[in-house]
Amino acid sequence: MKMIDEHFVRLRAHRNNIHRYRGLLRGNLTHYERQFVERRLAEESLAMQNITASAVPLESMSSSKSAVPQPPPVP
């Protein structure tokens, strides 16, 4: 469970950074500032994609007993 919490914390940090960089892009920036922010935005987006790609799916972490119960077979 701790690994999932770490993934969520990292995702939230990257999401917040992306939000901040998008806000900066709406402002008046020099050419070099804009290039820097766009590069950081791309890096943050890639980091989020890497975290989600490496994360263990939640359904694989649950036991078969905690899964959604299936109806009994029809005779």
PDB file of N, CA and C in Angstrom:
ATOM      1  N   MET A   1       0.828  -1.191   0.000  1.00  0.00           N
ATOM      2  CA  MET A   1       0.000   0.000   0.000  1.00  0.00           C
ATOM      3  C   MET A   1       0.872   1.254   0.000  1.00  0.00           C
ATOM      4  N   LYS A   2       2.042   1.183   0.632  1.00  0.00           N
ATOM      5  CA  LYS A   2       2.919   2.341   0.699  1.00  0.00           C
ATOM      6  C   LYS A   2       3.373   2.760  -0.700  1.00  0.00           C
ATOM      7  N   MET A   3       3.617   1.790  -1.585  1.00  0.00           N
ATOM      8  CA  MET A   3       4.057   2.107  -2.933  1.00  0.00           C
ATOM      9  C   MET A   3       2.988   2.899  -3.682  1.00  0.00           C
ATOM     10  N   ILE A   4       1.732   2.538  -3.494  1.00  0.00           N
ATOM     11  CA  ILE A   4       0.635   3.250  -4.146  1.00  0.00           C
ATOM     12  C   ILE A   4       0.587   4.687  -3.646  1.00  0.00           C
ATOM     13  N   ASP A   5       0.751   4.869  -2.334  1.00  0.00           N
ATOM     14  CA  ASP A   5       0.748   6.213  -1.764  1.00  0.00           C
ATOM     15  C   ASP A   5       1.874   7.060  -2.352  1.00  0.00           C
ATOM     16  N   GLU A   6       3.054   6.467  -2.518  1.00  0.00           N
ATOM     17  CA  GLU A   6       4.186   7.194  -3.100  1.00  0.00           C
ATOM     18  C   GLU A   6       3.890   7.587  -4.540  1.00  0.00           C
ATOM     19  N   HIS A   7       3.255   6.678  -5.290  1.00  0.00           N
ATOM     20  CA  HIS A   7       2.887   6.988  -6.677  1.00  0.00           C
ATOM     21  C   HIS A   7       1.910   8.163  -6.711  1.00  0.00           C
ATOM     22  N   PHE A   8       0.920   8.160  -5.844  1.00  0.00           N
ATOM     23  CA  PHE A   8      -0.060   9.240  -5.815  1.00  0.00           C
ATOM     24  C   PHE A   8       0.593  10.573  -5.445  1.00  0.00           C
ATOM     25  N   VAL A   9       1.512  10.544  -4.493  1.00  0.00           N
ATOM     26  CA  VAL A   9       2.203  11.769  -4.081  1.00  0.00           C
ATOM     27  C   VAL A   9       3.015  12.318  -5.251  1.00  0.00           C
ATOM     28  N   ARG A  10       3.732  11.440  -5.936  1.00  0.00           N
ATOM     29  CA  ARG A  10       4.540  11.882  -7.077  1.00  0.00           C
ATOM     30  C   ARG A  10       3.655  12.388  -8.209  1.00  0.00           C
ATOM     31  N   LEU A  11       2.555  11.694  -8.478  1.00  0.00           N
ATOM     32  CA  LEU A  11       1.636  12.152  -9.527  1.00  0.00           C
ATOM     33  C   LEU A  11       1.054  13.520  -9.194  1.00  0.00           C
ATOM     34  N   ARG A  12       0.685  13.717  -7.949  1.00  0.00           N
ATOM     35  CA  ARG A  12       0.120  15.000  -7.542  1.00  0.00           C
ATOM     36  C   ARG A  12       1.155  16.108  -7.697  1.00  0.00           C
ATOM     37  N   ALA A  13       2.404  15.849  -7.341  1.00  0.00           N
ATOM     38  CA  ALA A  13       3.459  16.861  -7.482  1.00  0.00           C
ATOM     39  C   ALA A  13       3.662  17.225  -8.953  1.00  0.00           C
ATOM     40  N   HIS A  14       3.704  16.213  -9.821  1.00  0.00           N
ATOM     41  CA  HIS A  14       3.867  16.480 -11.255  1.00  0.00           C
ATOM     42  C   HIS A  14       2.656  17.224 -11.813  1.00  0.00           C
ATOM     43  N   ARG A  15       1.468  16.839 -11.378  1.00  0.00           N
ATOM     44  CA  ARG A  15       0.248  17.511 -11.843  1.00  0.00           C
ATOM     45  C   ARG A  15       0.257  18.984 -11.431  1.00  0.00           C
ATOM     46  N   ASN A  16       0.669  19.252 -10.192  1.00  0.00           N
ATOM     47  CA  ASN A  16       0.746  20.633  -9.722  1.00  0.00           C
ATOM     48  C   ASN A  16       1.769  21.435 -10.517  1.00  0.00           C
ATOM     49  N   ASN A  17       2.906  20.811 -10.819  1.00  0.00           N
ATOM     50  CA  ASN A  17       3.919  21.497 -11.617  1.00  0.00           C
ATOM     51  C   ASN A  17       3.398  21.801 -13.018  1.00  0.00           C
ATOM     52  N   ILE A  18       2.708  20.844 -13.610  1.00  0.00           N
ATOM     53  CA  ILE A  18       2.139  21.047 -14.946  1.00  0.00           C
ATOM     54  C   ILE A  18       1.155  22.207 -14.920  1.00  0.00           C
ATOM     55  N   HIS A  19       0.316  22.245 -13.901  1.00  0.00           N
ATOM     56  CA  HIS A  19      -0.648  23.336 -13.769  1.00  0.00           C
ATOM     57  C   HIS A  19       0.074  24.688 -13.657  1.00  0.00           C
ATOM     58  N   ARG A  20       1.135  24.717 -12.848  1.00  0.00           N
ATOM     59  CA  ARG A  20       1.894  25.956 -12.673  1.00  0.00           C
ATOM     60  C   ARG A  20       2.550  26.381 -13.989  1.00  0.00           C
ATOM     61  N   TYR A  21       3.154  25.446 -14.719  1.00  0.00           N
ATOM     62  CA  TYR A  21       3.810  25.785 -15.987  1.00  0.00           C
ATOM     63  C   TYR A  21       2.800  26.253 -17.026  1.00  0.00           C
ATOM     64  N   ARG A  22       1.626  25.645 -17.066  1.00  0.00           N
ATOM     65  CA  ARG A  22       0.603  26.109 -18.009  1.00  0.00           C
ATOM     66  C   ARG A  22       0.174  27.534 -17.678  1.00  0.00           C
ATOM     67  N   GLY A  23       0.094  27.847 -16.396  1.00  0.00           N
ATOM     68  CA  GLY A  23      -0.228  29.211 -15.999  1.00  0.00           C
ATOM     69  C   GLY A  23       0.856  30.193 -16.421  1.00  0.00           C
ATOM     70  N   LEU A  24       2.100  29.788 -16.281  1.00  0.00           N
ATOM     71  CA  LEU A  24       3.198  30.655 -16.705  1.00  0.00           C
ATOM     72  C   LEU A  24       3.151  30.916 -18.207  1.00  0.00           C
ATOM     73  N   LEU A  25       2.777  29.884 -18.974  1.00  0.00           N
ATOM     74  CA  LEU A  25       2.721  30.048 -20.427  1.00  0.00           C
ATOM     75  C   LEU A  25       1.641  31.035 -20.855  1.00  0.00           C
ATOM     76  N   ARG A  26       0.640  31.257 -20.002  1.00  0.00           N
ATOM     77  CA  ARG A  26      -0.408  32.223 -20.325  1.00  0.00           C
ATOM     78  C   ARG A  26       0.067  33.666 -20.126  1.00  0.00           C
ATOM     79  N   GLY A  27       1.196  33.835 -19.443  1.00  0.00           N
ATOM     80  CA  GLY A  27       1.721  35.167 -19.176  1.00  0.00           C
ATOM     81  C   GLY A  27       2.667  35.646 -20.262  1.00  0.00           C
ATOM     82  N   ASN A  28       3.222  36.806 -20.020  1.00  0.00           N
ATOM     83  CA  ASN A  28       4.188  37.393 -20.953  1.00  0.00           C
ATOM     84  C   ASN A  28       5.578  36.879 -20.608  1.00  0.00           C
ATOM     85  N   LEU A  29       6.151  36.088 -21.491  1.00  0.00           N
ATOM     86  CA  LEU A  29       7.485  35.524 -21.284  1.00  0.00           C
ATOM     87  C   LEU A  29       8.376  35.889 -22.460  1.00  0.00           C
ATOM     88  N   THR A  30       9.661  35.939 -22.167  1.00  0.00           N
ATOM     89  CA  THR A  30      10.602  36.113 -23.270  1.00  0.00           C
ATOM     90  C   THR A  30      10.680  34.798 -24.033  1.00  0.00           C
ATOM     91  N   HIS A  31      11.317  34.839 -25.174  1.00  0.00           N
ATOM     92  CA  HIS A  31      11.466  33.629 -25.988  1.00  0.00           C
ATOM     93  C   HIS A  31      12.169  32.527 -25.197  1.00  0.00           C
ATOM     94  N   TYR A  32      13.235  32.895 -24.476  1.00  0.00           N
ATOM     95  CA  TYR A  32      14.013  31.904 -23.735  1.00  0.00           C
ATOM     96  C   TYR A  32      13.258  31.383 -22.512  1.00  0.00           C
ATOM     97  N   GLU A  33      12.520  32.255 -21.854  1.00  0.00           N
ATOM     98  CA  GLU A  33      11.697  31.807 -20.731  1.00  0.00           C
ATOM     99  C   GLU A  33      10.627  30.833 -21.218  1.00  0.00           C
ATOM    100  N   ARG A  34       9.987  31.157 -22.331  1.00  0.00           N
ATOM    101  CA  ARG A  34       8.962  30.289 -22.888  1.00  0.00           C
ATOM    102  C   ARG A  34       9.550  28.925 -23.257  1.00  0.00           C
ATOM    103  N   GLN A  35      10.737  28.932 -23.866  1.00  0.00           N
ATOM    104  CA  GLN A  35      11.391  27.664 -24.213  1.00  0.00           C
ATOM    105  C   GLN A  35      11.652  26.835 -22.962  1.00  0.00           C
ATOM    106  N   PHE A  36      12.142  27.485 -21.923  1.00  0.00           N
ATOM    107  CA  PHE A  36      12.432  26.781 -20.678  1.00  0.00           C
ATOM    108  C   PHE A  36      11.168  26.173 -20.087  1.00  0.00           C
ATOM    109  N   VAL A  37      10.121  26.951 -19.989  1.00  0.00           N
ATOM    110  CA  VAL A  37       8.866  26.474 -19.389  1.00  0.00           C
ATOM    111  C   VAL A  37       8.266  25.353 -20.236  1.00  0.00           C
ATOM    112  N   GLU A  38       8.307  25.474 -21.551  1.00  0.00           N
ATOM    113  CA  GLU A  38       7.785  24.417 -22.418  1.00  0.00           C
ATOM    114  C   GLU A  38       8.578  23.130 -22.250  1.00  0.00           C
ATOM    115  N   ARG A  39       9.905  23.249 -22.097  1.00  0.00           N
ATOM    116  CA  ARG A  39      10.732  22.058 -21.875  1.00  0.00           C
ATOM    117  C   ARG A  39      10.385  21.409 -20.535  1.00  0.00           C
ATOM    118  N   ARG A  40      10.240  22.224 -19.488  1.00  0.00           N
ATOM    119  CA  ARG A  40       9.877  21.686 -18.169  1.00  0.00           C
ATOM    120  C   ARG A  40       8.493  21.046 -18.206  1.00  0.00           C
ATOM    121  N   LEU A  41       7.564  21.650 -18.933  1.00  0.00           N
ATOM    122  CA  LEU A  41       6.224  21.091 -19.060  1.00  0.00           C
ATOM    123  C   LEU A  41       6.283  19.717 -19.726  1.00  0.00           C
ATOM    124  N   ALA A  42       7.083  19.593 -20.773  1.00  0.00           N
ATOM    125  CA  ALA A  42       7.239  18.302 -21.454  1.00  0.00           C
ATOM    126  C   ALA A  42       7.876  17.274 -20.522  1.00  0.00           C
ATOM    127  N   GLU A  43       8.861  17.692 -19.735  1.00  0.00           N
ATOM    128  CA  GLU A  43       9.516  16.775 -18.794  1.00  0.00           C
ATOM    129  C   GLU A  43       8.548  16.301 -17.715  1.00  0.00           C
ATOM    130  N   GLU A  44       7.746  17.201 -17.201  1.00  0.00           N
ATOM    131  CA  GLU A  44       6.769  16.827 -16.173  1.00  0.00           C
ATOM    132  C   GLU A  44       5.717  15.875 -16.737  1.00  0.00           C
ATOM    133  N   SER A  45       5.267  16.136 -17.957  1.00  0.00           N
ATOM    134  CA  SER A  45       4.277  15.257 -18.593  1.00  0.00           C
ATOM    135  C   SER A  45       4.857  13.864 -18.800  1.00  0.00           C
ATOM    136  N   LEU A  46       6.102  13.799 -19.251  1.00  0.00           N
ATOM    137  CA  LEU A  46       6.749  12.511 -19.453  1.00  0.00           C
ATOM    138  C   LEU A  46       6.923  11.775 -18.127  1.00  0.00           C
ATOM    139  N   ALA A  47       7.275  12.493 -17.087  1.00  0.00           N
ATOM    140  CA  ALA A  47       7.424  11.876 -15.765  1.00  0.00           C
ATOM    141  C   ALA A  47       6.100  11.271 -15.302  1.00  0.00           C
ATOM    142  N   MET A  48       5.004  11.990 -15.528  1.00  0.00           N
ATOM    143  CA  MET A  48       3.686  11.442 -15.161  1.00  0.00           C
ATOM    144  C   MET A  48       3.383  10.184 -15.955  1.00  0.00           C
ATOM    145  N   GLN A  49       3.683  10.197 -17.248  1.00  0.00           N
ATOM    146  CA  GLN A  49       3.438   9.020 -18.082  1.00  0.00           C
ATOM    147  C   GLN A  49       4.271   7.839 -17.598  1.00  0.00           C
ATOM    148  N   ASN A  50       5.514   8.079 -17.217  1.00  0.00           N
ATOM    149  CA  ASN A  50       6.375   6.995 -16.730  1.00  0.00           C
ATOM    150  C   ASN A  50       5.856   6.415 -15.425  1.00  0.00           C
ATOM    151  N   ILE A  51       5.368   7.263 -14.549  1.00  0.00           N
ATOM    152  CA  ILE A  51       4.827   6.768 -13.273  1.00  0.00           C
ATOM    153  C   ILE A  51       3.596   5.919 -13.519  1.00  0.00           C
ATOM    154  N   THR A  52       2.689   6.398 -14.360  1.00  0.00           N
ATOM    155  CA  THR A  52       1.467   5.633 -14.604  1.00  0.00           C
ATOM    156  C   THR A  52       1.755   4.340 -15.353  1.00  0.00           C
ATOM    157  N   ALA A  53       2.767   4.336 -16.209  1.00  0.00           N
ATOM    158  CA  ALA A  53       3.113   3.119 -16.948  1.00  0.00           C
ATOM    159  C   ALA A  53       3.760   2.081 -16.036  1.00  0.00           C
ATOM    160  N   SER A  54       4.495   2.536 -15.021  1.00  0.00           N
ATOM    161  CA  SER A  54       5.189   1.601 -14.138  1.00  0.00           C
ATOM    162  C   SER A  54       4.357   1.203 -12.930  1.00  0.00           C
ATOM    163  N   ALA A  55       3.222   1.850 -12.730  1.00  0.00           N
ATOM    164  CA  ALA A  55       2.391   1.568 -11.555  1.00  0.00           C
ATOM    165  C   ALA A  55       1.723   0.200 -11.691  1.00  0.00           C
ATOM    166  N   VAL A  56       1.572  -0.444 -10.568  1.00  0.00           N
ATOM    167  CA  VAL A  56       0.880  -1.727 -10.521  1.00  0.00           C
ATOM    168  C   VAL A  56      -0.617  -1.441 -10.564  1.00  0.00           C
ATOM    169  N   PRO A  57      -1.348  -2.078 -11.485  1.00  0.00           N
ATOM    170  CA  PRO A  57      -2.799  -1.849 -11.527  1.00  0.00           C
ATOM    171  C   PRO A  57      -3.444  -2.222 -10.198  1.00  0.00           C
ATOM    172  N   LEU A  58      -4.418  -1.443  -9.793  1.00  0.00           N
ATOM    173  CA  LEU A  58      -5.070  -1.681  -8.503  1.00  0.00           C
ATOM    174  C   LEU A  58      -5.735  -3.045  -8.435  1.00  0.00           C
ATOM    175  N   GLU A  59      -6.298  -3.508  -9.556  1.00  0.00           N
ATOM    176  CA  GLU A  59      -6.990  -4.793  -9.492  1.00  0.00           C
ATOM    177  C   GLU A  59      -6.033  -5.955  -9.252  1.00  0.00           C
ATOM    178  N   SER A  60      -4.762  -5.817  -9.620  1.00  0.00           N
ATOM    179  CA  SER A  60      -3.820  -6.904  -9.377  1.00  0.00           C
ATOM    180  C   SER A  60      -3.379  -6.931  -7.923  1.00  0.00           C
ATOM    181  N   MET A  61      -3.598  -5.842  -7.191  1.00  0.00           N
ATOM    182  CA  MET A  61      -3.213  -5.796  -5.790  1.00  0.00           C
ATOM    183  C   MET A  61      -4.295  -6.342  -4.877  1.00  0.00           C
ATOM    184  N   SER A  62      -5.511  -6.428  -5.364  1.00  0.00           N
ATOM    185  CA  SER A  62      -6.583  -6.919  -4.511  1.00  0.00           C
ATOM    186  C   SER A  62      -6.603  -8.445  -4.542  1.00  0.00           C
ATOM    187  N   SER A  63      -7.000  -9.025  -3.437  1.00  0.00           N
ATOM    188  CA  SER A  63      -7.097 -10.479  -3.384  1.00  0.00           C
ATOM    189  C   SER A  63      -8.390 -10.926  -4.046  1.00  0.00           C
ATOM    190  N   SER A  64      -8.468 -12.197  -4.357  1.00  0.00           N
ATOM    191  CA  SER A  64      -9.673 -12.701  -5.013  1.00  0.00           C
ATOM    192  C   SER A  64     -10.889 -12.599  -4.102  1.00  0.00           C
ATOM    193  N   LYS A  65     -10.671 -12.593  -2.777  1.00  0.00           N
ATOM    194  CA  LYS A  65     -11.788 -12.475  -1.848  1.00  0.00           C
ATOM    195  C   LYS A  65     -12.363 -11.067  -1.832  1.00  0.00           C
ATOM    196  N   SER A  66     -11.529 -10.077  -2.118  1.00  0.00           N
ATOM    197  CA  SER A  66     -12.040  -8.712  -2.088  1.00  0.00           C
ATOM    198  C   SER A  66     -12.557  -8.260  -3.448  1.00  0.00           C
ATOM    199  N   ALA A  67     -12.461  -9.135  -4.440  1.00  0.00           N
ATOM    200  CA  ALA A  67     -12.945  -8.785  -5.761  1.00  0.00           C
ATOM    201  C   ALA A  67     -14.472  -8.763  -5.758  1.00  0.00           C
ATOM    202  N   VAL A  68     -15.041  -8.212  -6.777  1.00  0.00           N
ATOM    203  CA  VAL A  68     -16.494  -8.144  -6.896  1.00  0.00           C
ATOM    204  C   VAL A  68     -17.043  -9.563  -6.980  1.00  0.00           C
ATOM    205  N   PRO A  69     -18.009  -9.903  -6.150  1.00  0.00           N
ATOM    206  CA  PRO A  69     -18.533 -11.272  -6.169  1.00  0.00           C
ATOM    207  C   PRO A  69     -19.251 -11.567  -7.492  1.00  0.00           C
ATOM    208  N   GLN A  70     -19.067 -12.775  -7.959  1.00  0.00           N
ATOM    209  CA  GLN A  70     -19.704 -13.222  -9.195  1.00  0.00           C
ATOM    210  C   GLN A  70     -20.968 -13.988  -8.852  1.00  0.00           C
ATOM    211  N   PRO A  71     -21.972 -13.895  -9.696  1.00  0.00           N
ATOM    212  CA  PRO A  71     -23.213 -14.663  -9.427  1.00  0.00           C
ATOM    213  C   PRO A  71     -22.928 -16.155  -9.565  1.00  0.00           C
ATOM    214  N   PRO A  72     -23.700 -16.960  -8.848  1.00  0.00           N
ATOM    215  CA  PRO A  72     -23.491 -18.410  -8.940  1.00  0.00           C
ATOM    216  C   PRO A  72     -23.829 -18.894 -10.344  1.00  0.00           C
ATOM    217  N   PRO A  73     -23.192 -19.979 -10.768  1.00  0.00           N
ATOM    218  CA  PRO A  73     -23.477 -20.495 -12.115  1.00  0.00           C
ATOM    219  C   PRO A  73     -24.931 -20.983 -12.220  1.00  0.00           C
ATOM    220  N   VAL A  74     -25.486 -20.829 -13.384  1.00  0.00           N
ATOM    221  CA  VAL A  74     -26.850 -21.277 -13.630  1.00  0.00           C
ATOM    222  C   VAL A  74     -26.826 -22.778 -13.897  1.00  0.00           C
ATOM    223  N   PRO A  75     -27.690 -23.559 -13.175  1.00  0.00           N
ATOM    224  CA  PRO A  75     -27.685 -25.033 -13.373  1.00  0.00           C
ATOM    225  C   PRO A  75     -28.271 -25.449 -14.699  1.00  0.00           C
TER     226      PRO A  75
END
